[in-house]
């Protein structure tokens, strides 16, 4: 059997993606143990884009805690020479009330995300940010919408793609019914299917061309 010349072999891209964030990234409540992050990784593979996927979500973590640990966890997973990406979604736990006030002030939330994006850029890692999703608490959602606007402004300045998924999910009856049937925050596999479907076209475009200008999620 004649072996093909090296130049005839297909080039396999070493694409590695770390998903950073809280319980929604980790997939809490999902009977399939995938969350929206695992579903996006599966869609990429199905679309012919193989990748190495790392889920680094931690339940109940806020953006200050994420800022303190993310780089050390990503560094061994995103080696030089690979196509290294990070997807970030944080903010729900920041805006939860504890002792009569949000766990993290919104200005600090923005500073935390800005620092993560700055360091990712310095490391040469492409970054994309996903908005924190809604829940059944209208007052909490109002705080999340305010943070959503701040995050969008920051990402525009940092030239990082930002997927404004909060409002579309709030208007999605399947998502809202699903979280209401559970703990008011976390969906089942059904809700995560909706979240991933909303993000998937933008995710696949970003994988193909991280420098492309993604359309706004509406």
N, C-alpha and C. Protein backbone atom coordinates (compact mmCIF):
# COMPACT_ATOMS: atom_id res chain seq x y z
N UNK A 1 0.85 -1.19 0.00
CA UNK A 1 0.00 0.00 0.00
C UNK A 1 0.88 1.25 0.00
N UNK A 2 0.62 2.14 -0.90
CA UNK A 2 1.40 3.37 -1.00
C UNK A 2 0.84 4.40 -0.02
N UNK A 3 1.70 4.88 0.86
CA UNK A 3 1.28 5.90 1.82
C UNK A 3 1.30 7.27 1.15
N UNK A 4 0.31 8.13 1.44
CA UNK A 4 0.30 9.46 0.82
C UNK A 4 1.45 10.31 1.31
N UNK A 5 1.89 11.21 0.47
CA UNK A 5 2.92 12.14 0.87
C UNK A 5 2.38 13.04 1.98
N UNK A 6 3.31 13.56 2.80
CA UNK A 6 2.88 14.39 3.93
C UNK A 6 2.03 15.56 3.49
N UNK A 7 2.37 16.15 2.31
CA UNK A 7 1.62 17.32 1.89
C UNK A 7 0.20 16.99 1.45
N UNK A 8 -0.07 15.66 1.25
CA UNK A 8 -1.42 15.26 0.84
C UNK A 8 -2.33 14.98 2.03
N UNK A 9 -1.75 14.94 3.24
CA UNK A 9 -2.55 14.63 4.41
C UNK A 9 -3.37 15.85 4.81
N UNK A 10 -4.59 15.64 5.28
CA UNK A 10 -5.40 16.78 5.73
C UNK A 10 -4.80 17.42 6.96
N UNK A 11 -4.92 18.72 7.06
CA UNK A 11 -4.43 19.46 8.22
C UNK A 11 -5.51 19.44 9.30
N UNK A 12 -5.18 18.91 10.47
CA UNK A 12 -6.12 18.85 11.58
C UNK A 12 -5.85 20.04 12.50
N UNK A 13 -6.81 20.93 12.61
CA UNK A 13 -6.65 22.12 13.44
C UNK A 13 -6.81 21.76 14.91
N UNK A 14 -5.86 22.14 15.72
CA UNK A 14 -5.92 21.88 17.16
C UNK A 14 -6.69 23.03 17.81
N UNK A 15 -8.00 22.95 17.72
CA UNK A 15 -8.88 23.98 18.27
C UNK A 15 -9.28 23.59 19.69
N UNK A 16 -9.01 24.48 20.64
CA UNK A 16 -9.33 24.21 22.03
C UNK A 16 -10.16 25.37 22.60
N UNK A 17 -11.24 25.02 23.30
CA UNK A 17 -12.15 26.04 23.82
C UNK A 17 -12.43 25.77 25.29
N UNK A 18 -12.19 26.78 26.13
CA UNK A 18 -12.56 26.73 27.54
C UNK A 18 -13.82 27.54 27.76
N UNK A 19 -14.82 26.94 28.37
CA UNK A 19 -16.05 27.64 28.73
C UNK A 19 -15.97 28.02 30.21
N UNK A 20 -16.10 29.30 30.49
CA UNK A 20 -15.90 29.84 31.83
C UNK A 20 -17.20 30.44 32.36
N UNK A 21 -17.52 30.16 33.60
CA UNK A 21 -18.70 30.79 34.17
C UNK A 21 -19.26 30.03 35.35
N UNK A 22 -20.58 30.07 35.45
CA UNK A 22 -21.27 29.61 36.64
C UNK A 22 -22.08 28.36 36.35
N UNK A 23 -23.19 28.17 37.06
CA UNK A 23 -23.95 26.93 36.98
C UNK A 23 -24.56 26.69 35.60
N UNK A 24 -24.89 27.74 34.87
CA UNK A 24 -25.47 27.55 33.54
C UNK A 24 -24.43 27.01 32.57
N UNK A 25 -23.19 27.42 32.75
CA UNK A 25 -22.10 26.85 31.95
C UNK A 25 -21.89 25.39 32.36
N UNK A 26 -21.93 25.13 33.66
CA UNK A 26 -21.73 23.77 34.15
C UNK A 26 -22.88 22.85 33.76
N UNK A 27 -24.06 23.42 33.47
CA UNK A 27 -25.20 22.61 33.05
C UNK A 27 -26.03 22.08 34.20
N UNK A 28 -26.09 22.81 35.30
CA UNK A 28 -26.90 22.37 36.45
C UNK A 28 -28.36 22.22 36.02
N UNK A 29 -28.96 21.10 36.38
CA UNK A 29 -30.36 20.83 36.05
C UNK A 29 -30.55 20.03 34.78
N UNK A 30 -29.50 19.84 34.01
CA UNK A 30 -29.59 19.16 32.72
C UNK A 30 -29.44 17.65 32.92
N UNK A 31 -30.48 16.90 32.58
CA UNK A 31 -30.41 15.45 32.72
C UNK A 31 -29.36 14.83 31.81
N UNK A 32 -28.99 15.54 30.75
CA UNK A 32 -27.98 15.03 29.81
C UNK A 32 -26.55 15.45 30.20
N UNK A 33 -26.45 16.28 31.25
CA UNK A 33 -25.15 16.71 31.77
C UNK A 33 -24.30 17.40 30.71
N UNK A 34 -24.94 18.21 29.88
CA UNK A 34 -24.24 18.94 28.82
C UNK A 34 -24.29 20.45 29.01
N UNK A 35 -25.44 20.97 29.48
CA UNK A 35 -25.63 22.41 29.50
C UNK A 35 -25.58 22.99 28.10
N UNK A 36 -25.63 24.32 28.00
CA UNK A 36 -25.56 24.90 26.65
C UNK A 36 -24.15 24.80 26.08
N UNK A 37 -23.14 24.79 26.95
CA UNK A 37 -21.77 24.71 26.47
C UNK A 37 -21.49 23.37 25.80
N UNK A 38 -21.88 22.28 26.43
CA UNK A 38 -21.68 20.97 25.83
C UNK A 38 -22.45 20.80 24.54
N UNK A 39 -23.63 21.39 24.48
CA UNK A 39 -24.41 21.32 23.24
C UNK A 39 -23.73 22.09 22.11
N UNK A 40 -23.13 23.23 22.43
CA UNK A 40 -22.42 23.98 21.39
C UNK A 40 -21.21 23.20 20.88
N UNK A 41 -20.49 22.55 21.78
CA UNK A 41 -19.36 21.73 21.36
C UNK A 41 -19.82 20.61 20.44
N UNK A 42 -20.94 19.97 20.79
CA UNK A 42 -21.47 18.89 19.96
C UNK A 42 -21.89 19.40 18.59
N UNK A 43 -22.48 20.59 18.54
CA UNK A 43 -22.89 21.15 17.25
C UNK A 43 -21.68 21.45 16.37
N UNK A 44 -20.60 21.90 16.98
CA UNK A 44 -19.39 22.18 16.21
C UNK A 44 -18.87 20.89 15.57
N UNK A 45 -18.81 19.84 16.35
CA UNK A 45 -18.34 18.56 15.83
C UNK A 45 -19.24 18.06 14.71
N UNK A 46 -20.55 18.18 14.92
CA UNK A 46 -21.51 17.75 13.89
C UNK A 46 -21.38 18.56 12.61
N UNK A 47 -20.94 19.82 12.75
CA UNK A 47 -20.77 20.69 11.59
C UNK A 47 -19.41 20.49 10.92
N UNK A 48 -18.62 19.54 11.39
CA UNK A 48 -17.33 19.26 10.78
C UNK A 48 -16.18 20.04 11.36
N UNK A 49 -16.39 20.63 12.55
CA UNK A 49 -15.32 21.39 13.20
C UNK A 49 -14.93 20.69 14.50
N UNK A 50 -13.97 19.77 14.45
CA UNK A 50 -13.56 19.09 15.68
C UNK A 50 -12.87 20.06 16.63
N UNK A 51 -13.06 19.83 17.91
CA UNK A 51 -12.43 20.69 18.91
C UNK A 51 -12.24 19.92 20.20
N UNK A 52 -11.37 20.45 21.05
CA UNK A 52 -11.23 19.96 22.41
C UNK A 52 -11.97 20.93 23.31
N UNK A 53 -12.93 20.41 24.07
CA UNK A 53 -13.86 21.23 24.84
C UNK A 53 -13.61 21.04 26.33
N UNK A 54 -13.45 22.16 27.04
CA UNK A 54 -13.25 22.13 28.48
C UNK A 54 -14.35 22.94 29.16
N UNK A 55 -15.12 22.29 30.02
CA UNK A 55 -16.15 22.98 30.79
C UNK A 55 -15.58 23.35 32.14
N UNK A 56 -15.41 24.66 32.38
CA UNK A 56 -14.83 25.16 33.63
C UNK A 56 -15.85 25.96 34.43
N UNK A 57 -17.13 25.59 34.31
CA UNK A 57 -18.18 26.26 35.06
C UNK A 57 -18.21 25.80 36.51
N UNK A 58 -18.47 26.74 37.42
CA UNK A 58 -18.58 26.44 38.85
C UNK A 58 -19.89 27.03 39.38
N UNK A 59 -20.69 26.19 39.99
CA UNK A 59 -21.98 26.63 40.51
C UNK A 59 -21.80 27.69 41.59
N UNK A 60 -22.61 28.72 41.50
CA UNK A 60 -22.71 29.84 42.45
C UNK A 60 -21.51 30.79 42.43
N UNK A 61 -20.61 30.61 41.49
CA UNK A 61 -19.44 31.48 41.41
C UNK A 61 -19.81 32.85 40.85
N UNK A 62 -19.23 33.90 41.42
CA UNK A 62 -19.44 35.24 40.87
C UNK A 62 -18.23 35.66 40.03
N UNK A 63 -18.31 36.82 39.41
CA UNK A 63 -17.26 37.23 38.48
C UNK A 63 -15.94 37.54 39.18
N UNK A 64 -15.99 37.98 40.44
CA UNK A 64 -14.76 38.23 41.19
C UNK A 64 -14.01 36.91 41.42
N UNK A 65 -14.76 35.88 41.78
CA UNK A 65 -14.15 34.56 41.97
C UNK A 65 -13.64 34.00 40.65
N UNK A 66 -14.39 34.20 39.59
CA UNK A 66 -13.94 33.75 38.27
C UNK A 66 -12.65 34.44 37.86
N UNK A 67 -12.60 35.74 38.07
CA UNK A 67 -11.40 36.49 37.72
C UNK A 67 -10.17 35.95 38.44
N UNK A 68 -10.36 35.46 39.66
CA UNK A 68 -9.23 34.99 40.45
C UNK A 68 -8.69 33.64 40.01
N UNK A 69 -9.47 32.86 39.28
CA UNK A 69 -9.01 31.50 39.00
C UNK A 69 -8.90 31.14 37.52
N UNK A 70 -9.55 31.91 36.63
CA UNK A 70 -9.73 31.44 35.26
C UNK A 70 -8.42 31.23 34.51
N UNK A 71 -7.48 32.16 34.63
CA UNK A 71 -6.27 32.08 33.82
C UNK A 71 -5.42 30.87 34.19
N UNK A 72 -5.29 30.60 35.47
CA UNK A 72 -4.50 29.45 35.91
C UNK A 72 -5.10 28.14 35.42
N UNK A 73 -6.43 28.09 35.30
CA UNK A 73 -7.08 26.87 34.83
C UNK A 73 -7.02 26.74 33.32
N UNK A 74 -7.05 27.87 32.62
CA UNK A 74 -7.00 27.82 31.16
C UNK A 74 -5.60 27.56 30.62
N UNK A 75 -4.58 28.09 31.30
CA UNK A 75 -3.22 28.04 30.78
C UNK A 75 -2.75 26.64 30.38
N UNK A 76 -2.93 25.61 31.22
CA UNK A 76 -2.47 24.28 30.81
C UNK A 76 -3.34 23.65 29.72
N UNK A 77 -4.53 24.17 29.53
CA UNK A 77 -5.45 23.62 28.53
C UNK A 77 -5.33 24.32 27.18
N UNK A 78 -4.72 25.49 27.17
CA UNK A 78 -4.61 26.29 25.95
C UNK A 78 -3.13 26.53 25.64
N UNK A 79 -2.46 25.53 25.07
CA UNK A 79 -1.01 25.63 24.86
C UNK A 79 -0.65 26.47 23.64
N UNK A 80 0.57 26.92 23.63
CA UNK A 80 1.08 27.64 22.46
C UNK A 80 1.02 26.72 21.25
N UNK A 81 0.67 27.31 20.12
CA UNK A 81 0.58 26.55 18.89
C UNK A 81 -0.81 26.06 18.56
N UNK A 82 -1.70 26.06 19.54
CA UNK A 82 -3.09 25.66 19.30
C UNK A 82 -3.93 26.89 18.98
N UNK A 83 -5.11 26.67 18.40
CA UNK A 83 -6.09 27.73 18.21
C UNK A 83 -6.89 27.81 19.50
N UNK A 84 -6.58 28.79 20.34
CA UNK A 84 -7.08 28.83 21.71
C UNK A 84 -8.22 29.83 21.85
N UNK A 85 -9.34 29.39 22.43
CA UNK A 85 -10.51 30.24 22.59
C UNK A 85 -11.05 30.14 24.02
N UNK A 86 -11.72 31.19 24.46
CA UNK A 86 -12.46 31.16 25.73
C UNK A 86 -13.84 31.74 25.49
N UNK A 87 -14.83 31.10 26.10
CA UNK A 87 -16.21 31.59 26.08
C UNK A 87 -16.59 31.88 27.52
N UNK A 88 -17.05 33.08 27.78
CA UNK A 88 -17.28 33.56 29.15
C UNK A 88 -18.76 33.89 29.33
N UNK A 89 -19.34 33.43 30.43
CA UNK A 89 -20.71 33.82 30.77
C UNK A 89 -20.81 33.92 32.28
N UNK A 90 -21.01 35.13 32.77
CA UNK A 90 -21.06 35.37 34.22
C UNK A 90 -21.98 36.55 34.49
N UNK A 91 -22.45 36.66 35.73
CA UNK A 91 -23.28 37.81 36.09
C UNK A 91 -24.51 37.48 36.90
N UNK A 92 -25.07 36.28 36.72
CA UNK A 92 -26.28 35.95 37.47
C UNK A 92 -26.00 35.96 38.97
N UNK A 93 -24.91 35.37 39.38
CA UNK A 93 -24.59 35.33 40.82
C UNK A 93 -24.13 36.69 41.34
N UNK A 94 -23.52 37.50 40.48
CA UNK A 94 -23.15 38.86 40.89
C UNK A 94 -24.38 39.65 41.33
N UNK A 95 -25.47 39.48 40.59
CA UNK A 95 -26.66 40.31 40.78
C UNK A 95 -27.66 39.71 41.76
N UNK A 96 -27.35 38.56 42.34
CA UNK A 96 -28.19 38.01 43.40
C UNK A 96 -28.05 38.86 44.67
N UNK A 97 -29.15 39.06 45.36
CA UNK A 97 -29.11 39.81 46.61
C UNK A 97 -28.71 38.90 47.77
N UNK A 98 -27.75 39.38 48.56
CA UNK A 98 -27.37 38.76 49.82
C UNK A 98 -27.18 39.86 50.84
N UNK A 99 -27.80 39.70 52.00
CA UNK A 99 -27.70 40.71 53.05
C UNK A 99 -28.13 42.09 52.55
N UNK A 100 -29.17 42.10 51.71
CA UNK A 100 -29.76 43.35 51.26
C UNK A 100 -29.02 44.06 50.14
N UNK A 101 -28.05 43.41 49.50
CA UNK A 101 -27.32 44.05 48.42
C UNK A 101 -26.82 42.99 47.44
N UNK A 102 -26.51 43.40 46.19
CA UNK A 102 -25.97 42.43 45.24
C UNK A 102 -24.64 41.86 45.73
N UNK A 103 -24.37 40.63 45.38
CA UNK A 103 -23.13 39.99 45.81
C UNK A 103 -21.90 40.73 45.25
N UNK A 104 -22.03 41.24 44.03
CA UNK A 104 -20.94 42.01 43.41
C UNK A 104 -21.56 43.26 42.79
N UNK A 105 -21.01 44.43 43.10
CA UNK A 105 -21.48 45.67 42.51
C UNK A 105 -21.31 45.61 40.99
N UNK A 106 -22.26 46.19 40.25
CA UNK A 106 -22.22 46.09 38.79
C UNK A 106 -20.96 46.69 38.19
N UNK A 107 -20.47 47.78 38.79
CA UNK A 107 -19.23 48.38 38.28
C UNK A 107 -18.06 47.41 38.44
N UNK A 108 -18.05 46.68 39.56
CA UNK A 108 -16.99 45.69 39.78
C UNK A 108 -17.14 44.51 38.82
N UNK A 109 -18.39 44.13 38.53
CA UNK A 109 -18.63 43.07 37.55
C UNK A 109 -18.02 43.43 36.21
N UNK A 110 -18.21 44.66 35.80
CA UNK A 110 -17.67 45.13 34.52
C UNK A 110 -16.14 45.13 34.56
N UNK A 111 -15.57 45.58 35.68
CA UNK A 111 -14.11 45.57 35.79
C UNK A 111 -13.56 44.15 35.74
N UNK A 112 -14.27 43.22 36.37
CA UNK A 112 -13.81 41.84 36.35
C UNK A 112 -13.79 41.28 34.93
N UNK A 113 -14.88 41.51 34.19
CA UNK A 113 -14.93 41.02 32.82
C UNK A 113 -13.89 41.72 31.95
N UNK A 114 -13.70 43.01 32.16
CA UNK A 114 -12.71 43.75 31.39
C UNK A 114 -11.32 43.18 31.60
N UNK A 115 -11.00 42.82 32.83
CA UNK A 115 -9.68 42.26 33.12
C UNK A 115 -9.51 40.88 32.48
N UNK A 116 -10.55 40.08 32.51
CA UNK A 116 -10.48 38.77 31.86
C UNK A 116 -10.25 38.93 30.36
N UNK A 117 -10.97 39.84 29.73
CA UNK A 117 -10.81 40.07 28.29
C UNK A 117 -9.42 40.63 27.98
N UNK A 118 -8.93 41.49 28.86
CA UNK A 118 -7.59 42.07 28.63
C UNK A 118 -6.52 40.99 28.67
N UNK A 119 -6.59 40.13 29.67
CA UNK A 119 -5.59 39.08 29.79
C UNK A 119 -5.71 38.05 28.67
N UNK A 120 -6.93 37.73 28.27
CA UNK A 120 -7.11 36.80 27.15
C UNK A 120 -6.47 37.37 25.89
N UNK A 121 -6.67 38.66 25.66
CA UNK A 121 -6.07 39.31 24.49
C UNK A 121 -4.55 39.26 24.56
N UNK A 122 -3.99 39.51 25.74
CA UNK A 122 -2.55 39.47 25.90
C UNK A 122 -1.99 38.07 25.66
N UNK A 123 -2.77 37.06 26.03
CA UNK A 123 -2.32 35.68 25.83
C UNK A 123 -2.51 35.20 24.40
N UNK A 124 -3.23 35.99 23.60
CA UNK A 124 -3.52 35.58 22.24
C UNK A 124 -4.68 34.61 22.12
N UNK A 125 -5.55 34.60 23.14
CA UNK A 125 -6.71 33.72 23.14
C UNK A 125 -7.94 34.51 22.68
N UNK A 126 -8.61 34.02 21.66
CA UNK A 126 -9.84 34.65 21.20
C UNK A 126 -10.93 34.46 22.24
N UNK A 127 -11.70 35.52 22.52
CA UNK A 127 -12.73 35.46 23.56
C UNK A 127 -14.09 35.85 23.02
N UNK A 128 -15.11 35.17 23.50
CA UNK A 128 -16.50 35.52 23.22
C UNK A 128 -17.26 35.52 24.54
N UNK A 129 -18.21 36.45 24.68
CA UNK A 129 -18.97 36.58 25.93
C UNK A 129 -20.44 36.32 25.64
N UNK A 130 -21.07 35.55 26.52
CA UNK A 130 -22.50 35.24 26.43
C UNK A 130 -23.21 35.89 27.60
N UNK A 131 -24.29 36.59 27.32
CA UNK A 131 -25.04 37.30 28.36
C UNK A 131 -25.58 36.34 29.42
N UNK A 132 -25.69 36.79 30.66
CA UNK A 132 -26.31 35.96 31.71
C UNK A 132 -27.80 35.78 31.42
N UNK A 133 -28.31 34.56 31.56
CA UNK A 133 -29.71 34.28 31.20
C UNK A 133 -30.69 34.76 32.27
N UNK A 134 -31.97 34.85 31.92
CA UNK A 134 -33.00 35.31 32.86
C UNK A 134 -33.49 34.19 33.76
N UNK A 135 -34.23 34.61 34.80
CA UNK A 135 -34.86 33.68 35.73
C UNK A 135 -36.30 34.13 35.96
N UNK A 136 -36.94 33.64 37.00
CA UNK A 136 -38.36 33.98 37.21
C UNK A 136 -38.56 35.20 38.10
N UNK A 137 -37.48 35.77 38.62
CA UNK A 137 -37.55 36.92 39.52
C UNK A 137 -37.41 38.21 38.71
N UNK A 138 -38.50 38.98 38.60
CA UNK A 138 -38.48 40.19 37.77
C UNK A 138 -37.48 41.22 38.27
N UNK A 139 -37.36 41.38 39.59
CA UNK A 139 -36.41 42.36 40.12
C UNK A 139 -34.97 41.94 39.82
N UNK A 140 -34.70 40.66 39.95
CA UNK A 140 -33.36 40.16 39.60
C UNK A 140 -33.10 40.36 38.11
N UNK A 141 -34.09 40.09 37.28
CA UNK A 141 -33.93 40.28 35.84
C UNK A 141 -33.66 41.74 35.48
N UNK A 142 -34.26 42.66 36.21
CA UNK A 142 -33.99 44.07 35.95
C UNK A 142 -32.52 44.39 36.20
N UNK A 143 -31.96 43.84 37.26
CA UNK A 143 -30.54 44.04 37.53
C UNK A 143 -29.68 43.38 36.44
N UNK A 144 -30.11 42.22 35.99
CA UNK A 144 -29.38 41.52 34.92
C UNK A 144 -29.42 42.30 33.61
N UNK A 145 -30.56 42.92 33.32
CA UNK A 145 -30.66 43.71 32.09
C UNK A 145 -29.72 44.91 32.15
N UNK A 146 -29.61 45.53 33.30
CA UNK A 146 -28.67 46.65 33.46
C UNK A 146 -27.24 46.17 33.23
N UNK A 147 -26.91 45.01 33.80
CA UNK A 147 -25.57 44.47 33.60
C UNK A 147 -25.35 44.06 32.15
N UNK A 148 -26.38 43.56 31.52
CA UNK A 148 -26.31 43.18 30.11
C UNK A 148 -25.91 44.37 29.24
N UNK A 149 -26.50 45.52 29.50
CA UNK A 149 -26.15 46.74 28.74
C UNK A 149 -24.70 47.11 28.99
N UNK A 150 -24.27 47.05 30.23
CA UNK A 150 -22.88 47.39 30.58
C UNK A 150 -21.89 46.43 29.93
N UNK A 151 -22.23 45.14 29.95
CA UNK A 151 -21.37 44.15 29.31
C UNK A 151 -21.28 44.40 27.80
N UNK A 152 -22.41 44.72 27.20
CA UNK A 152 -22.42 44.97 25.75
C UNK A 152 -21.52 46.14 25.39
N UNK A 153 -21.59 47.21 26.17
CA UNK A 153 -20.75 48.38 25.93
C UNK A 153 -19.27 48.04 26.09
N UNK A 154 -18.95 47.28 27.14
CA UNK A 154 -17.57 46.87 27.36
C UNK A 154 -17.04 46.03 26.20
N UNK A 155 -17.83 45.05 25.78
CA UNK A 155 -17.37 44.16 24.71
C UNK A 155 -17.21 44.91 23.39
N UNK A 156 -18.05 45.89 23.15
CA UNK A 156 -17.89 46.71 21.95
C UNK A 156 -16.56 47.45 22.00
N UNK A 157 -16.23 48.01 23.15
CA UNK A 157 -14.95 48.72 23.30
C UNK A 157 -13.76 47.76 23.18
N UNK A 158 -13.92 46.55 23.72
CA UNK A 158 -12.84 45.57 23.70
C UNK A 158 -12.79 44.79 22.39
N UNK A 159 -13.76 45.04 21.51
CA UNK A 159 -13.86 44.33 20.23
C UNK A 159 -13.94 42.82 20.44
N UNK A 160 -14.75 42.44 21.42
CA UNK A 160 -15.01 41.03 21.69
C UNK A 160 -16.48 40.74 21.38
N UNK A 161 -16.77 39.65 20.70
CA UNK A 161 -18.18 39.32 20.41
C UNK A 161 -18.98 39.14 21.69
N UNK A 162 -20.18 39.71 21.70
CA UNK A 162 -21.06 39.59 22.86
C UNK A 162 -22.44 39.16 22.38
N UNK A 163 -22.90 38.02 22.87
CA UNK A 163 -24.19 37.48 22.46
C UNK A 163 -25.25 37.85 23.49
N UNK A 164 -26.12 38.78 23.12
CA UNK A 164 -27.12 39.31 24.06
C UNK A 164 -28.32 38.38 24.13
N UNK A 165 -28.13 37.28 24.85
CA UNK A 165 -29.12 36.22 24.89
C UNK A 165 -30.18 36.42 25.98
N UNK A 166 -29.98 37.39 26.87
CA UNK A 166 -30.89 37.52 28.02
C UNK A 166 -32.34 37.78 27.58
N UNK A 167 -32.55 38.82 26.80
CA UNK A 167 -33.92 39.19 26.43
C UNK A 167 -34.58 38.15 25.53
N UNK A 168 -33.87 37.59 24.53
CA UNK A 168 -34.51 36.53 23.74
C UNK A 168 -34.96 35.34 24.58
N UNK A 169 -34.18 34.97 25.58
CA UNK A 169 -34.60 33.86 26.43
C UNK A 169 -35.77 34.26 27.32
N UNK A 170 -35.80 35.50 27.74
CA UNK A 170 -36.92 35.96 28.57
C UNK A 170 -38.22 35.94 27.77
N UNK A 171 -38.11 36.12 26.48
CA UNK A 171 -39.29 36.07 25.61
C UNK A 171 -39.57 34.67 25.08
N UNK A 172 -38.72 33.72 25.44
CA UNK A 172 -38.87 32.34 24.98
C UNK A 172 -39.74 31.57 25.98
N UNK A 173 -40.94 31.20 25.56
CA UNK A 173 -41.88 30.56 26.47
C UNK A 173 -41.39 29.21 26.95
N UNK A 174 -40.67 28.50 26.10
CA UNK A 174 -40.17 27.18 26.51
C UNK A 174 -39.15 27.33 27.63
N UNK A 175 -38.22 28.27 27.47
CA UNK A 175 -37.23 28.52 28.52
C UNK A 175 -37.90 28.93 29.83
N UNK A 176 -38.81 29.90 29.76
CA UNK A 176 -39.43 30.43 30.97
C UNK A 176 -40.29 29.37 31.67
N UNK A 177 -41.02 28.56 30.91
CA UNK A 177 -41.81 27.49 31.52
C UNK A 177 -40.90 26.45 32.16
N UNK A 178 -39.80 26.18 31.50
CA UNK A 178 -38.90 25.14 31.99
C UNK A 178 -38.23 25.54 33.30
N UNK A 179 -37.76 26.78 33.39
CA UNK A 179 -37.13 27.19 34.66
C UNK A 179 -38.16 27.33 35.77
N UNK A 180 -39.39 27.75 35.41
CA UNK A 180 -40.45 27.88 36.42
C UNK A 180 -40.83 26.51 36.99
N UNK A 181 -40.70 25.47 36.18
CA UNK A 181 -41.01 24.12 36.65
C UNK A 181 -39.93 23.56 37.56
N UNK A 182 -38.78 24.20 37.56
CA UNK A 182 -37.68 23.75 38.41
C UNK A 182 -37.47 24.67 39.59
N UNK A 183 -36.24 25.16 39.73
CA UNK A 183 -35.92 26.01 40.89
C UNK A 183 -36.06 27.50 40.60
N UNK A 184 -36.59 27.83 39.41
CA UNK A 184 -36.76 29.23 39.04
C UNK A 184 -35.56 29.82 38.33
N UNK A 185 -34.49 29.08 38.28
CA UNK A 185 -33.24 29.54 37.65
C UNK A 185 -32.74 28.57 36.57
N UNK A 186 -32.61 27.32 36.95
CA UNK A 186 -31.95 26.36 36.08
C UNK A 186 -32.96 25.56 35.28
N UNK A 187 -32.73 25.43 33.98
CA UNK A 187 -33.64 24.65 33.15
C UNK A 187 -33.29 23.16 33.19
N UNK A 188 -34.13 22.39 32.57
CA UNK A 188 -33.81 20.99 32.31
C UNK A 188 -33.15 20.92 30.93
N UNK A 189 -33.01 19.72 30.40
CA UNK A 189 -32.44 19.56 29.06
C UNK A 189 -33.22 20.36 28.03
N UNK A 190 -34.53 20.47 28.22
CA UNK A 190 -35.37 21.21 27.27
C UNK A 190 -34.95 22.67 27.17
N UNK A 191 -34.75 23.31 28.31
CA UNK A 191 -34.34 24.71 28.31
C UNK A 191 -32.94 24.91 27.76
N UNK A 192 -32.04 24.01 28.10
CA UNK A 192 -30.68 24.12 27.56
C UNK A 192 -30.67 23.94 26.05
N UNK A 193 -31.58 23.12 25.54
CA UNK A 193 -31.71 23.00 24.08
C UNK A 193 -32.03 24.35 23.46
N UNK A 194 -32.94 25.09 24.09
CA UNK A 194 -33.32 26.41 23.58
C UNK A 194 -32.16 27.39 23.64
N UNK A 195 -31.44 27.39 24.75
CA UNK A 195 -30.30 28.29 24.92
C UNK A 195 -29.24 28.01 23.85
N UNK A 196 -28.91 26.75 23.66
CA UNK A 196 -27.89 26.39 22.68
C UNK A 196 -28.33 26.71 21.26
N UNK A 197 -29.60 26.47 20.96
CA UNK A 197 -30.10 26.76 19.61
C UNK A 197 -30.01 28.25 19.30
N UNK A 198 -30.25 29.08 20.32
CA UNK A 198 -30.15 30.53 20.15
C UNK A 198 -28.72 30.95 19.82
N UNK A 199 -27.76 30.33 20.47
CA UNK A 199 -26.36 30.72 20.32
C UNK A 199 -25.67 30.07 19.13
N UNK A 200 -26.16 28.92 18.69
CA UNK A 200 -25.42 28.07 17.76
C UNK A 200 -24.97 28.76 16.47
N UNK A 201 -25.83 29.51 15.76
CA UNK A 201 -25.36 30.11 14.50
C UNK A 201 -24.20 31.08 14.71
N UNK A 202 -24.25 31.84 15.79
CA UNK A 202 -23.20 32.81 16.09
C UNK A 202 -21.92 32.10 16.54
N UNK A 203 -22.09 31.04 17.31
CA UNK A 203 -20.97 30.22 17.77
C UNK A 203 -20.22 29.60 16.59
N UNK A 204 -20.95 29.02 15.66
CA UNK A 204 -20.31 28.36 14.52
C UNK A 204 -19.60 29.38 13.63
N UNK A 205 -20.18 30.55 13.48
CA UNK A 205 -19.54 31.59 12.69
C UNK A 205 -18.26 32.05 13.36
N UNK A 206 -18.29 32.19 14.68
CA UNK A 206 -17.11 32.62 15.43
C UNK A 206 -15.99 31.59 15.35
N UNK A 207 -16.35 30.31 15.39
CA UNK A 207 -15.34 29.27 15.26
C UNK A 207 -14.67 29.34 13.89
N UNK A 208 -15.48 29.59 12.87
CA UNK A 208 -14.93 29.63 11.51
C UNK A 208 -14.09 30.87 11.28
N UNK A 209 -14.50 31.99 11.89
CA UNK A 209 -13.79 33.25 11.68
C UNK A 209 -13.93 34.11 12.93
N UNK A 210 -12.99 33.99 13.88
CA UNK A 210 -13.13 34.74 15.14
C UNK A 210 -13.08 36.23 14.97
N UNK A 211 -12.58 36.71 13.83
CA UNK A 211 -12.52 38.13 13.60
C UNK A 211 -13.76 38.70 12.94
N UNK A 212 -14.72 37.82 12.63
CA UNK A 212 -15.93 38.29 11.97
C UNK A 212 -16.81 39.07 12.93
N UNK A 213 -17.61 39.97 12.39
CA UNK A 213 -18.54 40.74 13.22
C UNK A 213 -19.84 39.95 13.34
N UNK A 214 -20.10 39.43 14.52
CA UNK A 214 -21.28 38.60 14.71
C UNK A 214 -22.52 39.46 14.76
N UNK A 215 -23.61 38.97 14.15
CA UNK A 215 -24.87 39.70 14.27
C UNK A 215 -25.37 39.68 15.70
N UNK A 216 -26.12 40.72 16.07
CA UNK A 216 -26.66 40.81 17.42
C UNK A 216 -27.76 39.78 17.59
N UNK A 217 -27.73 39.05 18.70
CA UNK A 217 -28.81 38.12 19.02
C UNK A 217 -30.03 38.91 19.42
N UNK A 218 -31.13 38.67 18.77
CA UNK A 218 -32.36 39.40 19.08
C UNK A 218 -33.50 38.42 19.34
